Amino acid sequence: MPNITMTIDSQLLRRARKVALDKNESLTSLIRGYLRRLVSQEDSRKDATIKKLKTLFSRSNVEVGSVTWIRENLYDRKS
């Protein structure tokens, strides 16, 4: 498993070690758990957004035809 190096305030480190001790965990396991929850929440948020978009798209009556864009038509460039 890879290691990481962090620089944090000494008072924060002291308080975090106390929290870990109170939970009968190591500081490493406390941080690992936090990161797992953070990533899981982010994954859940993205999944929920995708689900909402799919629902929205499935209910939409909008039809998009095959359009070929030409750069010159998109940008009116005046010399």
PDB file of N, CA and C in Angstrom:
ATOM      1  N   MET A   1       0.849  -1.169   0.000  1.00  0.00           N
ATOM      2  CA  MET A   1       0.000   0.000   0.000  1.00  0.00           C
ATOM      3  C   MET A   1       0.903   1.243   0.000  1.00  0.00           C
ATOM      4  N   PRO A   2       0.585   2.220  -0.850  1.00  0.00           N
ATOM      5  CA  PRO A   2       1.415   3.426  -0.899  1.00  0.00           C
ATOM      6  C   PRO A   2       1.319   4.250   0.383  1.00  0.00           C
ATOM      7  N   ASN A   3       2.355   4.969   0.670  1.00  0.00           N
ATOM      8  CA  ASN A   3       2.389   5.896   1.798  1.00  0.00           C
ATOM      9  C   ASN A   3       2.231   7.310   1.280  1.00  0.00           C
ATOM     10  N   ILE A   4       1.719   8.192   2.133  1.00  0.00           N
ATOM     11  CA  ILE A   4       1.667   9.611   1.806  1.00  0.00           C
ATOM     12  C   ILE A   4       2.347  10.393   2.919  1.00  0.00           C
ATOM     13  N   THR A   5       2.833  11.554   2.585  1.00  0.00           N
ATOM     14  CA  THR A   5       3.431  12.444   3.568  1.00  0.00           C
ATOM     15  C   THR A   5       2.595  13.708   3.611  1.00  0.00           C
ATOM     16  N   MET A   6       2.253  14.134   4.805  1.00  0.00           N
ATOM     17  CA  MET A   6       1.432  15.329   4.984  1.00  0.00           C
ATOM     18  C   MET A   6       2.116  16.284   5.944  1.00  0.00           C
ATOM     19  N   THR A   7       1.868  17.550   5.746  1.00  0.00           N
ATOM     20  CA  THR A   7       2.305  18.560   6.693  1.00  0.00           C
ATOM     21  C   THR A   7       1.054  19.190   7.275  1.00  0.00           C
ATOM     22  N   ILE A   8       0.897  19.068   8.598  1.00  0.00           N
ATOM     23  CA  ILE A   8      -0.259  19.668   9.259  1.00  0.00           C
ATOM     24  C   ILE A   8       0.196  20.366  10.530  1.00  0.00           C
ATOM     25  N   ASP A   9      -0.624  21.245  10.979  1.00  0.00           N
ATOM     26  CA  ASP A   9      -0.358  22.008  12.188  1.00  0.00           C
ATOM     27  C   ASP A   9      -0.208  21.061  13.383  1.00  0.00           C
ATOM     28  N   SER A  10       0.753  21.333  14.247  1.00  0.00           N
ATOM     29  CA  SER A  10       1.022  20.440  15.379  1.00  0.00           C
ATOM     30  C   SER A  10      -0.171  20.333  16.331  1.00  0.00           C
ATOM     31  N   GLN A  11      -0.904  21.430  16.529  1.00  0.00           N
ATOM     32  CA  GLN A  11      -2.070  21.382  17.401  1.00  0.00           C
ATOM     33  C   GLN A  11      -3.166  20.509  16.782  1.00  0.00           C
ATOM     34  N   LEU A  12      -3.349  20.620  15.469  1.00  0.00           N
ATOM     35  CA  LEU A  12      -4.329  19.777  14.787  1.00  0.00           C
ATOM     36  C   LEU A  12      -3.936  18.312  14.899  1.00  0.00           C
ATOM     37  N   LEU A  13      -2.666  18.015  14.721  1.00  0.00           N
ATOM     38  CA  LEU A  13      -2.180  16.642  14.837  1.00  0.00           C
ATOM     39  C   LEU A  13      -2.429  16.091  16.244  1.00  0.00           C
ATOM     40  N   ARG A  14      -2.146  16.882  17.240  1.00  0.00           N
ATOM     41  CA  ARG A  14      -2.358  16.470  18.625  1.00  0.00           C
ATOM     42  C   ARG A  14      -3.836  16.168  18.884  1.00  0.00           C
ATOM     43  N   ARG A  15      -4.693  17.052  18.405  1.00  0.00           N
ATOM     44  CA  ARG A  15      -6.138  16.853  18.602  1.00  0.00           C
ATOM     45  C   ARG A  15      -6.647  15.641  17.815  1.00  0.00           C
ATOM     46  N   ALA A  16      -6.133  15.447  16.602  1.00  0.00           N
ATOM     47  CA  ALA A  16      -6.542  14.304  15.785  1.00  0.00           C
ATOM     48  C   ALA A  16      -6.103  12.992  16.442  1.00  0.00           C
ATOM     49  N   ARG A  17      -4.909  12.984  17.008  1.00  0.00           N
ATOM     50  CA  ARG A  17      -4.441  11.777  17.712  1.00  0.00           C
ATOM     51  C   ARG A  17      -5.345  11.473  18.909  1.00  0.00           C
ATOM     52  N   LYS A  18      -5.816  12.518  19.580  1.00  0.00           N
ATOM     53  CA  LYS A  18      -6.723  12.321  20.711  1.00  0.00           C
ATOM     54  C   LYS A  18      -8.046  11.724  20.247  1.00  0.00           C
ATOM     55  N   VAL A  19      -8.567  12.226  19.133  1.00  0.00           N
ATOM     56  CA  VAL A  19      -9.811  11.682  18.575  1.00  0.00           C
ATOM     57  C   VAL A  19      -9.614  10.208  18.224  1.00  0.00           C
ATOM     58  N   ALA A  20      -8.502   9.893  17.586  1.00  0.00           N
ATOM     59  CA  ALA A  20      -8.221   8.499  17.221  1.00  0.00           C
ATOM     60  C   ALA A  20      -8.127   7.626  18.469  1.00  0.00           C
ATOM     61  N   LEU A  21      -7.443   8.120  19.483  1.00  0.00           N
ATOM     62  CA  LEU A  21      -7.307   7.376  20.735  1.00  0.00           C
ATOM     63  C   LEU A  21      -8.672   7.151  21.388  1.00  0.00           C
ATOM     64  N   ASP A  22      -9.509   8.189  21.400  1.00  0.00           N
ATOM     65  CA  ASP A  22     -10.851   8.069  21.974  1.00  0.00           C
ATOM     66  C   ASP A  22     -11.706   7.050  21.228  1.00  0.00           C
ATOM     67  N   LYS A  23     -11.442   6.885  19.931  1.00  0.00           N
ATOM     68  CA  LYS A  23     -12.189   5.921  19.127  1.00  0.00           C
ATOM     69  C   LYS A  23     -11.498   4.561  19.078  1.00  0.00           C
ATOM     70  N   ASN A  24     -10.411   4.440  19.821  1.00  0.00           N
ATOM     71  CA  ASN A  24      -9.628   3.206  19.849  1.00  0.00           C
ATOM     72  C   ASN A  24      -9.164   2.807  18.449  1.00  0.00           C
ATOM     73  N   GLU A  25      -8.711   3.796  17.690  1.00  0.00           N
ATOM     74  CA  GLU A  25      -8.215   3.596  16.323  1.00  0.00           C
ATOM     75  C   GLU A  25      -6.861   4.268  16.191  1.00  0.00           C
ATOM     76  N   SER A  26      -6.139   3.859  15.174  1.00  0.00           N
ATOM     77  CA  SER A  26      -4.905   4.576  14.865  1.00  0.00           C
ATOM     78  C   SER A  26      -5.270   5.804  14.038  1.00  0.00           C
ATOM     79  N   LEU A  27      -4.397   6.767  14.021  1.00  0.00           N
ATOM     80  CA  LEU A  27      -4.624   7.955  13.221  1.00  0.00           C
ATOM     81  C   LEU A  27      -4.713   7.568  11.745  1.00  0.00           C
ATOM     82  N   THR A  28      -3.900   6.627  11.330  1.00  0.00           N
ATOM     83  CA  THR A  28      -3.922   6.150   9.946  1.00  0.00           C
ATOM     84  C   THR A  28      -5.284   5.567   9.583  1.00  0.00           C
ATOM     85  N   SER A  29      -5.843   4.716  10.450  1.00  0.00           N
ATOM     86  CA  SER A  29      -7.138   4.117  10.136  1.00  0.00           C
ATOM     87  C   SER A  29      -8.246   5.161  10.161  1.00  0.00           C
ATOM     88  N   LEU A  30      -8.119   6.156  11.020  1.00  0.00           N
ATOM     89  CA  LEU A  30      -9.095   7.242  11.079  1.00  0.00           C
ATOM     90  C   LEU A  30      -9.089   8.026   9.763  1.00  0.00           C
ATOM     91  N   ILE A  31      -7.907   8.360   9.289  1.00  0.00           N
ATOM     92  CA  ILE A  31      -7.773   9.103   8.029  1.00  0.00           C
ATOM     93  C   ILE A  31      -8.238   8.248   6.859  1.00  0.00           C
ATOM     94  N   ARG A  32      -7.852   6.981   6.843  1.00  0.00           N
ATOM     95  CA  ARG A  32      -8.262   6.064   5.777  1.00  0.00           C
ATOM     96  C   ARG A  32      -9.790   5.969   5.721  1.00  0.00           C
ATOM     97  N   GLY A  33     -10.432   5.839   6.883  1.00  0.00           N
ATOM     98  CA  GLY A  33     -11.890   5.783   6.934  1.00  0.00           C
ATOM     99  C   GLY A  33     -12.535   7.057   6.416  1.00  0.00           C
ATOM    100  N   TYR A  34     -11.957   8.192   6.799  1.00  0.00           N
ATOM    101  CA  TYR A  34     -12.482   9.469   6.321  1.00  0.00           C
ATOM    102  C   TYR A  34     -12.394   9.550   4.804  1.00  0.00           C
ATOM    103  N   LEU A  35     -11.247   9.168   4.249  1.00  0.00           N
ATOM    104  CA  LEU A  35     -11.069   9.228   2.799  1.00  0.00           C
ATOM    105  C   LEU A  35     -12.010   8.271   2.080  1.00  0.00           C
ATOM    106  N   ARG A  36     -12.235   7.091   2.653  1.00  0.00           N
ATOM    107  CA  ARG A  36     -13.190   6.146   2.049  1.00  0.00           C
ATOM    108  C   ARG A  36     -14.593   6.744   2.010  1.00  0.00           C
ATOM    109  N   ARG A  37     -15.015   7.350   3.117  1.00  0.00           N
ATOM    110  CA  ARG A  37     -16.345   7.969   3.162  1.00  0.00           C
ATOM    111  C   ARG A  37     -16.445   9.128   2.179  1.00  0.00           C
ATOM    112  N   LEU A  38     -15.401   9.932   2.087  1.00  0.00           N
ATOM    113  CA  LEU A  38     -15.373  11.063   1.175  1.00  0.00           C
ATOM    114  C   LEU A  38     -15.544  10.595  -0.267  1.00  0.00           C
ATOM    115  N   VAL A  39     -14.785   9.580  -0.658  1.00  0.00           N
ATOM    116  CA  VAL A  39     -14.853   9.051  -2.020  1.00  0.00           C
ATOM    117  C   VAL A  39     -16.220   8.412  -2.274  1.00  0.00           C
ATOM    118  N   SER A  40     -16.732   7.690  -1.295  1.00  0.00           N
ATOM    119  CA  SER A  40     -18.039   7.046  -1.437  1.00  0.00           C
ATOM    120  C   SER A  40     -19.145   8.087  -1.613  1.00  0.00           C
ATOM    121  N   GLN A  41     -19.093   9.159  -0.841  1.00  0.00           N
ATOM    122  CA  GLN A  41     -20.085  10.233  -0.961  1.00  0.00           C
ATOM    123  C   GLN A  41     -20.010  10.885  -2.337  1.00  0.00           C
ATOM    124  N   GLU A  42     -18.794  11.090  -2.812  1.00  0.00           N
ATOM    125  CA  GLU A  42     -18.612  11.704  -4.130  1.00  0.00           C
ATOM    126  C   GLU A  42     -19.154  10.776  -5.217  1.00  0.00           C
ATOM    127  N   ASP A  43     -18.889   9.479  -5.108  1.00  0.00           N
ATOM    128  CA  ASP A  43     -19.420   8.511  -6.068  1.00  0.00           C
ATOM    129  C   ASP A  43     -20.940   8.503  -6.043  1.00  0.00           C
ATOM    130  N   SER A  44     -21.520   8.545  -4.846  1.00  0.00           N
ATOM    131  CA  SER A  44     -22.975   8.557  -4.710  1.00  0.00           C
ATOM    132  C   SER A  44     -23.571   9.819  -5.316  1.00  0.00           C
ATOM    133  N   ARG A  45     -22.901  10.936  -5.098  1.00  0.00           N
ATOM    134  CA  ARG A  45     -23.375  12.204  -5.660  1.00  0.00           C
ATOM    135  C   ARG A  45     -23.359  12.155  -7.184  1.00  0.00           C
ATOM    136  N   LYS A  46     -22.280  11.635  -7.746  1.00  0.00           N
ATOM    137  CA  LYS A  46     -22.186  11.529  -9.204  1.00  0.00           C
ATOM    138  C   LYS A  46     -23.235  10.566  -9.746  1.00  0.00           C
ATOM    139  N   ASP A  47     -23.425   9.431  -9.082  1.00  0.00           N
ATOM    140  CA  ASP A  47     -24.436   8.461  -9.513  1.00  0.00           C
ATOM    141  C   ASP A  47     -25.830   9.075  -9.486  1.00  0.00           C
ATOM    142  N   ALA A  48     -26.130   9.849  -8.450  1.00  0.00           N
ATOM    143  CA  ALA A  48     -27.434  10.493  -8.335  1.00  0.00           C
ATOM    144  C   ALA A  48     -27.626  11.516  -9.452  1.00  0.00           C
ATOM    145  N   THR A  49     -26.585  12.255  -9.773  1.00  0.00           N
ATOM    146  CA  THR A  49     -26.660  13.241 -10.849  1.00  0.00           C
ATOM    147  C   THR A  49     -26.905  12.554 -12.186  1.00  0.00           C
ATOM    148  N   ILE A  50     -26.198  11.474 -12.437  1.00  0.00           N
ATOM    149  CA  ILE A  50     -26.377  10.728 -13.679  1.00  0.00           C
ATOM    150  C   ILE A  50     -27.798  10.176 -13.766  1.00  0.00           C
ATOM    151  N   LYS A  51     -28.303   9.649 -12.657  1.00  0.00           N
ATOM    152  CA  LYS A  51     -29.668   9.111 -12.629  1.00  0.00           C
ATOM    153  C   LYS A  51     -30.687  10.207 -12.934  1.00  0.00           C
ATOM    154  N   LYS A  52     -30.498  11.386 -12.333  1.00  0.00           N
ATOM    155  CA  LYS A  52     -31.412  12.501 -12.585  1.00  0.00           C
ATOM    156  C   LYS A  52     -31.374  12.933 -14.054  1.00  0.00           C
ATOM    157  N   LEU A  53     -30.172  12.979 -14.613  1.00  0.00           N
ATOM    158  CA  LEU A  53     -30.043  13.369 -16.017  1.00  0.00           C
ATOM    159  C   LEU A  53     -30.702  12.342 -16.939  1.00  0.00           C
ATOM    160  N   LYS A  54     -30.508  11.063 -16.658  1.00  0.00           N
ATOM    161  CA  LYS A  54     -31.126  10.022 -17.478  1.00  0.00           C
ATOM    162  C   LYS A  54     -32.642  10.118 -17.411  1.00  0.00           C
ATOM    163  N   THR A  55     -33.176  10.378 -16.212  1.00  0.00           N
ATOM    164  CA  THR A  55     -34.619  10.537 -16.053  1.00  0.00           C
ATOM    165  C   THR A  55     -35.110  11.744 -16.835  1.00  0.00           C
ATOM    166  N   LEU A  56     -34.384  12.838 -16.730  1.00  0.00           N
ATOM    167  CA  LEU A  56     -34.746  14.054 -17.446  1.00  0.00           C
ATOM    168  C   LEU A  56     -34.728  13.824 -18.953  1.00  0.00           C
ATOM    169  N   PHE A  57     -33.680  13.177 -19.444  1.00  0.00           N
ATOM    170  CA  PHE A  57     -33.565  12.911 -20.876  1.00  0.00           C
ATOM    171  C   PHE A  57     -34.663  11.968 -21.356  1.00  0.00           C
ATOM    172  N   SER A  58     -35.011  10.987 -20.541  1.00  0.00           N
ATOM    173  CA  SER A  58     -36.036  10.033 -20.964  1.00  0.00           C
ATOM    174  C   SER A  58     -37.422  10.673 -21.015  1.00  0.00           C
ATOM    175  N   ARG A  59     -37.658  11.712 -20.234  1.00  0.00           N
ATOM    176  CA  ARG A  59     -38.953  12.398 -20.207  1.00  0.00           C
ATOM    177  C   ARG A  59     -39.037  13.538 -21.218  1.00  0.00           C
ATOM    178  N   SER A  60     -37.925  13.891 -21.793  1.00  0.00           N
ATOM    179  CA  SER A  60     -37.869  15.036 -22.696  1.00  0.00           C
ATOM    180  C   SER A  60     -38.477  14.692 -24.052  1.00  0.00           C
ATOM    181  N   ASN A  61     -39.145  15.661 -24.651  1.00  0.00           N
ATOM    182  CA  ASN A  61     -39.710  15.503 -25.988  1.00  0.00           C
ATOM    183  C   ASN A  61     -38.798  16.094 -27.055  1.00  0.00           C
ATOM    184  N   VAL A  62     -37.663  16.576 -26.653  1.00  0.00           N
ATOM    185  CA  VAL A  62     -36.745  17.221 -27.581  1.00  0.00           C
ATOM    186  C   VAL A  62     -36.034  16.159 -28.417  1.00  0.00           C
ATOM    187  N   GLU A  63     -36.002  16.407 -29.724  1.00  0.00           N
ATOM    188  CA  GLU A  63     -35.275  15.518 -30.616  1.00  0.00           C
ATOM    189  C   GLU A  63     -34.124  16.299 -31.222  1.00  0.00           C
ATOM    190  N   VAL A  64     -32.969  15.708 -31.224  1.00  0.00           N
ATOM    191  CA  VAL A  64     -31.787  16.349 -31.778  1.00  0.00           C
ATOM    192  C   VAL A  64     -31.426  15.620 -33.062  1.00  0.00           C
ATOM    193  N   GLY A  65     -31.413  16.353 -34.145  1.00  0.00           N
ATOM    194  CA  GLY A  65     -31.074  15.763 -35.433  1.00  0.00           C
ATOM    195  C   GLY A  65     -29.573  15.729 -35.630  1.00  0.00           C
ATOM    196  N   SER A  66     -29.180  15.200 -36.760  1.00  0.00           N
ATOM    197  CA  SER A  66     -27.748  15.125 -37.049  1.00  0.00           C
ATOM    198  C   SER A  66     -27.311  16.452 -37.673  1.00  0.00           C
ATOM    199  N   VAL A  67     -26.576  17.220 -36.912  1.00  0.00           N
ATOM    200  CA  VAL A  67     -26.088  18.517 -37.364  1.00  0.00           C
ATOM    201  C   VAL A  67     -24.584  18.447 -37.474  1.00  0.00           C
ATOM    202  N   THR A  68     -24.071  18.894 -38.583  1.00  0.00           N
ATOM    203  CA  THR A  68     -22.628  18.975 -38.758  1.00  0.00           C
ATOM    204  C   THR A  68     -22.233  20.435 -38.618  1.00  0.00           C
ATOM    205  N   TRP A  69     -21.433  20.707 -37.615  1.00  0.00           N
ATOM    206  CA  TRP A  69     -21.028  22.082 -37.352  1.00  0.00           C
ATOM    207  C   TRP A  69     -19.793  22.411 -38.170  1.00  0.00           C
ATOM    208  N   ILE A  70     -19.793  23.622 -38.701  1.00  0.00           N
ATOM    209  CA  ILE A  70     -18.627  24.134 -39.416  1.00  0.00           C
ATOM    210  C   ILE A  70     -18.128  25.334 -38.626  1.00  0.00           C
ATOM    211  N   ARG A  71     -16.840  25.336 -38.347  1.00  0.00           N
ATOM    212  CA  ARG A  71     -16.257  26.361 -37.492  1.00  0.00           C
ATOM    213  C   ARG A  71     -16.608  27.771 -37.950  1.00  0.00           C
ATOM    214  N   GLU A  72     -16.546  28.003 -39.243  1.00  0.00           N
ATOM    215  CA  GLU A  72     -16.815  29.341 -39.765  1.00  0.00           C
ATOM    216  C   GLU A  72     -18.260  29.782 -39.483  1.00  0.00           C
ATOM    217  N   ASN A  73     -19.181  28.828 -39.438  1.00  0.00           N
ATOM    218  CA  ASN A  73     -20.567  29.163 -39.137  1.00  0.00           C
ATOM    219  C   ASN A  73     -20.778  29.451 -37.659  1.00  0.00           C
ATOM    220  N   LEU A  74     -19.952  28.875 -36.808  1.00  0.00           N
ATOM    221  CA  LEU A  74     -20.092  29.075 -35.377  1.00  0.00           C
ATOM    222  C   LEU A  74     -19.486  30.397 -34.913  1.00  0.00           C
ATOM    223  N   TYR A  75     -18.402  30.800 -35.571  1.00  0.00           N
ATOM    224  CA  TYR A  75     -17.694  32.013 -35.168  1.00  0.00           C
ATOM    225  C   TYR A  75     -17.682  32.998 -36.316  1.00  0.00           C
ATOM    226  N   ASP A  76     -18.261  34.142 -36.088  1.00  0.00           N
ATOM    227  CA  ASP A  76     -18.274  35.176 -37.106  1.00  0.00           C
ATOM    228  C   ASP A  76     -16.963  35.941 -36.991  1.00  0.00           C
ATOM    229  N   ARG A  77     -16.011  35.578 -37.816  1.00  0.00           N
ATOM    230  CA  ARG A  77     -14.681  36.214 -37.774  1.00  0.00           C
ATOM    231  C   ARG A  77     -14.620  37.308 -38.830  1.00  0.00           C
ATOM    232  N   LYS A  78     -14.367  38.496 -38.354  1.00  0.00           N
ATOM    233  CA  LYS A  78     -14.229  39.618 -39.270  1.00  0.00           C
ATOM    234  C   LYS A  78     -12.770  39.991 -39.371  1.00  0.00           C
ATOM    235  N   SER A  79     -12.297  40.118 -40.586  1.00  0.00           N
ATOM    236  CA  SER A  79     -10.889  40.454 -40.797  1.00  0.00           C
ATOM    237  C   SER A  79     -10.684  41.939 -40.752  1.00  0.00           C
TER     238      SER A  79
END
